[in-house]
Protein backbone atom coordinates (compact mmCIF):
# COMPACT_ATOMS: atom_id res chain seq x y z
CA UNK A 1 -2.79 11.69 -6.53
CA UNK A 2 -1.78 11.34 -2.61
CA UNK A 3 -1.05 6.96 -3.25
CA UNK A 4 -1.37 5.16 0.22
CA UNK A 5 1.34 2.64 -0.54
CA UNK A 6 1.06 -0.89 1.90
CA UNK A 7 4.39 -2.61 1.82
CA UNK A 8 6.60 -4.36 4.41
CA UNK A 9 9.76 -3.39 6.76
CA UNK A 10 11.44 -6.08 5.65
CA UNK A 11 13.25 -7.34 2.21
CA UNK A 12 11.56 -10.31 1.75
CA UNK A 13 13.31 -13.61 0.13
CA UNK A 14 14.07 -12.34 -3.19
CA UNK A 15 15.56 -9.50 -5.27
CA UNK A 16 12.41 -8.36 -7.77
CA UNK A 17 10.53 -7.29 -4.54
CA UNK A 18 13.37 -4.65 -3.52
CA UNK A 19 13.77 -3.76 -7.30
CA UNK A 20 9.60 -3.84 -8.06
CA UNK A 21 9.31 -1.16 -4.34
CA UNK A 22 11.89 1.26 -6.73
CA UNK A 23 10.22 1.07 -9.78
CA UNK A 24 6.80 1.53 -7.46
CA UNK A 25 8.52 4.83 -5.83
CA UNK A 26 9.92 5.87 -9.70
CA UNK A 27 6.65 5.73 -11.03
CA UNK A 28 5.31 7.44 -8.21
CA UNK A 29 7.80 10.34 -8.87
CA UNK A 30 7.29 10.48 -12.55
CA UNK A 31 3.38 10.57 -12.20
CA UNK A 32 3.66 13.47 -9.86
CA UNK A 33 2.00 11.85 -6.71
CA UNK A 34 2.69 11.84 -3.32
CA UNK A 35 3.55 9.16 -1.33
CA UNK A 36 2.48 7.99 1.74
CA UNK A 37 3.33 5.25 3.82
CA UNK A 38 4.22 3.66 6.90
CA UNK A 39 7.67 6.01 6.79
CA UNK A 40 10.20 2.96 8.31
CA UNK A 41 13.59 3.39 6.36
CA UNK A 42 13.91 -0.30 6.47
CA UNK A 43 13.12 -3.46 3.78
CA UNK A 44 10.76 -2.50 1.13
CA UNK A 45 9.62 0.47 2.76
CA UNK A 46 12.97 2.06 2.77
CA UNK A 47 13.74 1.27 -1.06
CA UNK A 48 10.04 2.44 -1.97
CA UNK A 49 10.89 6.03 -0.37
CA UNK A 50 13.97 6.36 -1.87
CA UNK A 51 12.89 5.86 -5.07
CA UNK A 52 9.95 8.67 -4.47
CA UNK A 53 12.22 10.72 -2.87
CA UNK A 54 15.05 10.26 -6.00
CA UNK A 55 12.41 10.88 -8.31
CA UNK A 56 11.10 13.84 -7.49
CA UNK A 57 7.74 12.43 -5.64
CA UNK A 58 6.87 14.72 -2.00
CA UNK A 59 6.86 11.60 0.92
CA UNK A 60 4.93 11.44 3.65
CA UNK A 61 5.14 8.44 6.52
CA UNK A 62 3.07 8.07 9.06
CA UNK A 63 4.48 6.01 12.49
CA UNK A 64 3.59 5.65 15.65
CA UNK A 65 5.89 7.43 18.26
CA UNK A 66 7.04 3.84 19.49
CA UNK A 67 8.79 3.46 15.96
CA UNK A 68 9.88 7.26 16.67
CA UNK A 69 11.65 6.45 19.67
CA UNK A 70 13.18 3.27 17.75
CA UNK A 71 14.79 5.74 15.10
CA UNK A 72 13.41 4.01 11.95
CA UNK A 73 11.94 6.30 10.73
CA UNK A 74 13.47 7.40 6.62
CA UNK A 75 15.81 10.20 7.15
CA UNK A 76 14.79 12.10 4.11
CA UNK A 77 10.97 12.64 4.31
CA UNK A 78 9.22 15.42 3.48
CA UNK A 79 6.59 14.78 6.17
CA UNK A 80 6.64 12.91 9.49
CA UNK A 81 3.22 12.76 10.83
CA UNK A 82 3.59 10.52 14.36
CA UNK A 83 0.38 8.78 16.45
CA UNK A 84 -0.07 7.27 19.41
CA UNK A 85 -0.73 3.98 18.63
CA UNK A 86 -1.09 1.75 15.48
CA UNK A 87 -4.64 1.67 15.02
CA UNK A 88 -3.99 5.79 14.80
CA UNK A 89 -1.39 5.46 12.21
CA UNK A 90 -3.92 3.20 10.10
CA UNK A 91 -6.40 5.96 10.05
CA UNK A 92 -4.76 8.64 9.70
CA UNK A 93 -2.79 6.67 6.35
CA UNK A 94 -6.29 5.98 5.33
CA UNK A 95 -7.56 9.77 5.50
CA UNK A 96 -4.55 11.11 3.87
CA UNK A 97 -4.58 8.45 0.66
CA UNK A 98 -7.01 9.84 -2.36
CA UNK A 99 -5.65 5.52 -3.64
CA UNK A 100 -4.07 2.85 -1.87
CA UNK A 101 -1.89 0.21 -3.30
CA UNK A 102 -1.15 -3.28 -1.26
CA UNK A 103 2.58 -4.26 -2.38
CA UNK A 104 4.25 -7.92 -1.33
CA UNK A 105 4.50 -7.85 2.71
CA UNK A 106 3.20 -9.76 5.52
CA UNK A 107 0.99 -9.36 8.18
CA UNK A 108 0.83 -5.34 8.78
CA UNK A 109 -0.11 -5.09 5.02
CA UNK A 110 -2.11 -7.71 4.85
CA UNK A 111 -4.73 -5.96 7.93
CA UNK A 112 -3.62 -1.83 6.62
CA UNK A 113 -5.68 -3.56 2.97
CA UNK A 114 -7.72 -5.34 5.11
CA UNK A 115 -9.49 -2.24 6.25
CA UNK A 116 -9.69 -0.27 3.53
CA UNK A 117 -11.77 -3.10 1.64
CA UNK A 118 -13.34 -3.45 4.74
CA UNK A 119 -14.28 0.36 4.72
CA UNK A 120 -14.70 -0.01 0.99
CA UNK A 121 -17.60 -2.71 0.91
CA UNK A 122 -19.21 -0.54 3.53
CA UNK A 123 -19.94 2.29 1.63
CA UNK A 124 -17.40 4.75 4.61
CA UNK A 125 -14.69 5.41 1.95
CA UNK A 126 -15.14 5.69 -1.65
CA UNK A 127 -11.75 5.57 -3.03
CA UNK A 128 -10.00 3.07 -5.04
CA UNK A 129 -7.68 0.23 -3.82
CA UNK A 130 -5.34 -2.46 -5.76
CA UNK A 131 -3.32 -5.24 -5.06
CA UNK A 132 0.27 -4.97 -6.93
CA UNK A 133 0.41 -8.84 -7.40
CA UNK A 134 4.27 -9.20 -8.63
CA UNK A 135 5.26 -12.62 -9.58
CA UNK A 136 2.35 -13.92 -8.22
CA UNK A 137 2.78 -12.98 -5.23
CA UNK A 138 -1.52 -12.69 -3.94
CA UNK A 139 -2.60 -15.31 -6.41
CA UNK A 140 -3.28 -17.20 -2.47
CA UNK A 141 -5.48 -13.85 -1.85
CA UNK A 142 -6.42 -14.31 -4.67
CA UNK A 143 -8.35 -17.67 -4.17
CA UNK A 144 -9.03 -16.97 -0.99
CA UNK A 145 -11.88 -13.74 -1.87
CA UNK A 146 -12.85 -16.30 -4.71
CA UNK A 147 -13.62 -19.24 -2.14
CA UNK A 148 -15.03 -17.07 0.50
CA UNK A 149 -17.35 -15.46 -2.18
CA UNK A 150 -17.99 -19.32 -3.14
CA UNK A 151 -19.25 -19.60 0.24
CA UNK A 152 -21.54 -17.31 0.08
CA UNK A 153 -19.49 -14.51 2.51
CA UNK A 154 -18.37 -12.42 0.07
CA UNK A 155 -20.23 -10.63 -2.59
CA UNK A 156 -18.98 -12.46 -5.84
CA UNK A 157 -19.72 -9.58 -7.82
CA UNK A 158 -17.81 -7.10 -5.55
CA UNK A 159 -14.84 -9.98 -4.96
CA UNK A 160 -14.58 -9.86 -8.62
CA UNK A 161 -13.81 -6.85 -9.12
CA UNK A 162 -10.59 -6.99 -6.58
CA UNK A 163 -8.44 -5.31 -8.71
CA UNK A 164 -4.44 -7.38 -8.63
CA UNK A 165 -1.52 -5.43 -10.95
CA UNK A 166 1.22 -7.38 -12.56
CA UNK A 167 3.29 -4.27 -12.49
CA UNK A 168 3.45 -0.76 -12.03
CA UNK A 169 3.04 0.07 -15.60
CA UNK A 170 -0.87 -0.84 -14.85
CA UNK A 171 -1.35 1.09 -12.15
CA UNK A 172 -2.68 3.90 -13.54
CA UNK A 173 -5.14 2.50 -15.71
CA UNK A 174 -6.30 0.15 -12.42
CA UNK A 175 -6.55 3.31 -9.52
CA UNK A 176 -9.53 4.66 -11.27
CA UNK A 177 -11.18 1.27 -11.47
CA UNK A 178 -10.76 -0.43 -8.63
CA UNK A 179 -14.15 -1.20 -6.42
CA UNK A 180 -15.38 1.59 -4.56
């Protein structure tokens, strides 16, 4: 499978994020998956790509031209796809992915996985997604989804079916069972 992973281009505040990104990259390689991600060599993105490559996973980076001009792309990518805009980057990452994982990250991560969720909810794509809820990182978001459902803005059944995994070990089961 091509697995699109959204995650931070910074390290985060705790070493467990880098360790988790490396473990995810290892898992992708061990499972024979291809990593699709934002293409950066920095932060968690770099740690994920390094580990995926070290464990034999093909790695496709998707970056807008202005990132390439800043030379932030990972030097070991199997393939680099250059887009004109961030919106085009996001669209390509969705087209390429067979499944989507939101690893801890910031606004970009949240924006990207939200687009996948909206397309899924509107039945525009039928591809699984999940949140890798490392050390409870996404618990506030899970509570937000429950609040949206309680207030009548999100279907409670759909909201309750959004998958959160505590670690990489759960991904194989969840990728095939995430809401569509």
